[in-house]
Amino acid sequence: MTLEELRIRRNMSQQQLANITGLTQGYISALERGAKNNPGQVVVKKLASALNVQRDVVLGLFPDTLPVLEKT
């Protein structure tokens, strides 16, 4: 599942995801388009937390069938 699919599945706009993660909307757009790849661990952690999935799902290593992380 792509970052865009994860975001849409959570009913978020790019701007909403940007606001939650502290990233820019442009950076999220670039990640979704593939213009930027290989995000750092901090970015992956922020995206996973905001989308409420495990980091491997954000990286596309596993489908979004893994258990949802509990917010603490």
C-alpha atoms as a PDB file:
ATOM      1  CA  MET A   1       0.000   0.000   0.000  1.00  0.00           C
ATOM      2  CA  THR A   2       1.389   3.395  -0.949  1.00  0.00           C
ATOM      3  CA  LEU A   3       1.685   6.415   1.305  1.00  0.00           C
ATOM      4  CA  GLU A   4      -1.074   8.098  -0.681  1.00  0.00           C
ATOM      5  CA  GLU A   5      -3.365   5.084  -0.240  1.00  0.00           C
ATOM      6  CA  LEU A   6      -2.667   5.005   3.496  1.00  0.00           C
ATOM      7  CA  ARG A   7      -3.399   8.723   3.788  1.00  0.00           C
ATOM      8  CA  ILE A   8      -6.632   8.503   1.790  1.00  0.00           C
ATOM      9  CA  ARG A   9      -7.712   5.428   3.730  1.00  0.00           C
ATOM     10  CA  ARG A  10      -7.424   7.545   6.877  1.00  0.00           C
ATOM     11  CA  ASN A  11      -9.501  10.314   5.227  1.00  0.00           C
ATOM     12  CA  MET A  12      -6.652  12.830   5.424  1.00  0.00           C
ATOM     13  CA  SER A  13      -5.544  15.481   3.008  1.00  0.00           C
ATOM     14  CA  GLN A  14      -1.855  16.045   2.392  1.00  0.00           C
ATOM     15  CA  GLN A  15      -2.134  19.262   4.379  1.00  0.00           C
ATOM     16  CA  GLN A  16      -3.729  17.504   7.344  1.00  0.00           C
ATOM     17  CA  LEU A  17      -0.972  14.905   7.342  1.00  0.00           C
ATOM     18  CA  ALA A  18       1.599  17.674   7.092  1.00  0.00           C
ATOM     19  CA  ASN A  19       0.086  19.503  10.064  1.00  0.00           C
ATOM     20  CA  ILE A  20       0.108  16.359  12.198  1.00  0.00           C
ATOM     21  CA  THR A  21       3.650  15.308  11.292  1.00  0.00           C
ATOM     22  CA  GLY A  22       5.308  18.719  11.124  1.00  0.00           C
ATOM     23  CA  LEU A  23       6.401  17.970   7.556  1.00  0.00           C
ATOM     24  CA  THR A  24       5.468  20.214   4.661  1.00  0.00           C
ATOM     25  CA  GLN A  25       2.632  19.446   2.288  1.00  0.00           C
ATOM     26  CA  GLY A  26       5.141  19.718  -0.558  1.00  0.00           C
ATOM     27  CA  TYR A  27       7.387  17.075   0.997  1.00  0.00           C
ATOM     28  CA  ILE A  28       4.459  14.696   1.485  1.00  0.00           C
ATOM     29  CA  SER A  29       3.408  15.315  -2.109  1.00  0.00           C
ATOM     30  CA  ALA A  30       6.956  14.564  -3.283  1.00  0.00           C
ATOM     31  CA  LEU A  31       7.003  11.320  -1.282  1.00  0.00           C
ATOM     32  CA  GLU A  32       3.690  10.264  -2.789  1.00  0.00           C
ATOM     33  CA  ARG A  33       4.828  11.075  -6.341  1.00  0.00           C
ATOM     34  CA  GLY A  34       8.127   9.272  -5.856  1.00  0.00           C
ATOM     35  CA  ALA A  35      10.082  12.477  -6.403  1.00  0.00           C
ATOM     36  CA  LYS A  36      11.576  11.937  -2.948  1.00  0.00           C
ATOM     37  CA  ASN A  37      12.379   8.468  -1.777  1.00  0.00           C
ATOM     38  CA  ASN A  38      14.164   6.774   1.062  1.00  0.00           C
ATOM     39  CA  PRO A  39      12.854   9.021   3.861  1.00  0.00           C
ATOM     40  CA  GLY A  40      14.830   8.997   7.088  1.00  0.00           C
ATOM     41  CA  GLN A  41      13.800   7.131  10.211  1.00  0.00           C
ATOM     42  CA  VAL A  42      12.421  10.255  11.875  1.00  0.00           C
ATOM     43  CA  VAL A  43      10.134  10.950   8.894  1.00  0.00           C
ATOM     44  CA  VAL A  44       8.964   7.334   8.740  1.00  0.00           C
ATOM     45  CA  LYS A  45       8.231   7.383  12.477  1.00  0.00           C
ATOM     46  CA  LYS A  46       6.199  10.599  12.149  1.00  0.00           C
ATOM     47  CA  LEU A  47       4.210   9.252   9.201  1.00  0.00           C
ATOM     48  CA  ALA A  48       3.561   5.894  10.889  1.00  0.00           C
ATOM     49  CA  SER A  49       2.381   7.592  14.049  1.00  0.00           C
ATOM     50  CA  ALA A  50       0.095  10.002  12.184  1.00  0.00           C
ATOM     51  CA  LEU A  51      -1.365   7.215  10.028  1.00  0.00           C
ATOM     52  CA  ASN A  52      -1.576   4.844  12.995  1.00  0.00           C
ATOM     53  CA  VAL A  53       0.330   2.022  11.312  1.00  0.00           C
ATOM     54  CA  GLN A  54       3.642   0.284  11.860  1.00  0.00           C
ATOM     55  CA  ARG A  55       6.729   1.786  10.244  1.00  0.00           C
ATOM     56  CA  ASP A  56       7.158  -1.155   7.862  1.00  0.00           C
ATOM     57  CA  VAL A  57       3.730  -0.375   6.403  1.00  0.00           C
ATOM     58  CA  VAL A  58       4.809   3.201   5.636  1.00  0.00           C
ATOM     59  CA  LEU A  59       7.908   1.845   3.933  1.00  0.00           C
ATOM     60  CA  GLY A  60       5.716  -0.458   1.844  1.00  0.00           C
ATOM     61  CA  LEU A  61       7.335  -3.603   3.202  1.00  0.00           C
ATOM     62  CA  PHE A  62       4.052  -5.069   4.407  1.00  0.00           C
ATOM     63  CA  PRO A  63       0.430  -4.476   3.478  1.00  0.00           C
ATOM     64  CA  ASP A  64      -1.713  -2.572   5.931  1.00  0.00           C
ATOM     65  CA  THR A  65      -3.033  -5.742   7.502  1.00  0.00           C
ATOM     66  CA  LEU A  66      -0.852  -5.440  10.566  1.00  0.00           C
ATOM     67  CA  PRO A  67      -2.396  -4.488  13.898  1.00  0.00           C
ATOM     68  CA  VAL A  68      -2.966  -0.799  14.424  1.00  0.00           C
ATOM     69  CA  LEU A  69      -0.618   0.761  16.946  1.00  0.00           C
ATOM     70  CA  GLU A  70      -2.214   1.951  20.121  1.00  0.00           C
ATOM     71  CA  LYS A  71      -1.645   5.628  20.872  1.00  0.00           C
ATOM     72  CA  THR A  72      -0.057   6.148  24.272  1.00  0.00           C
END
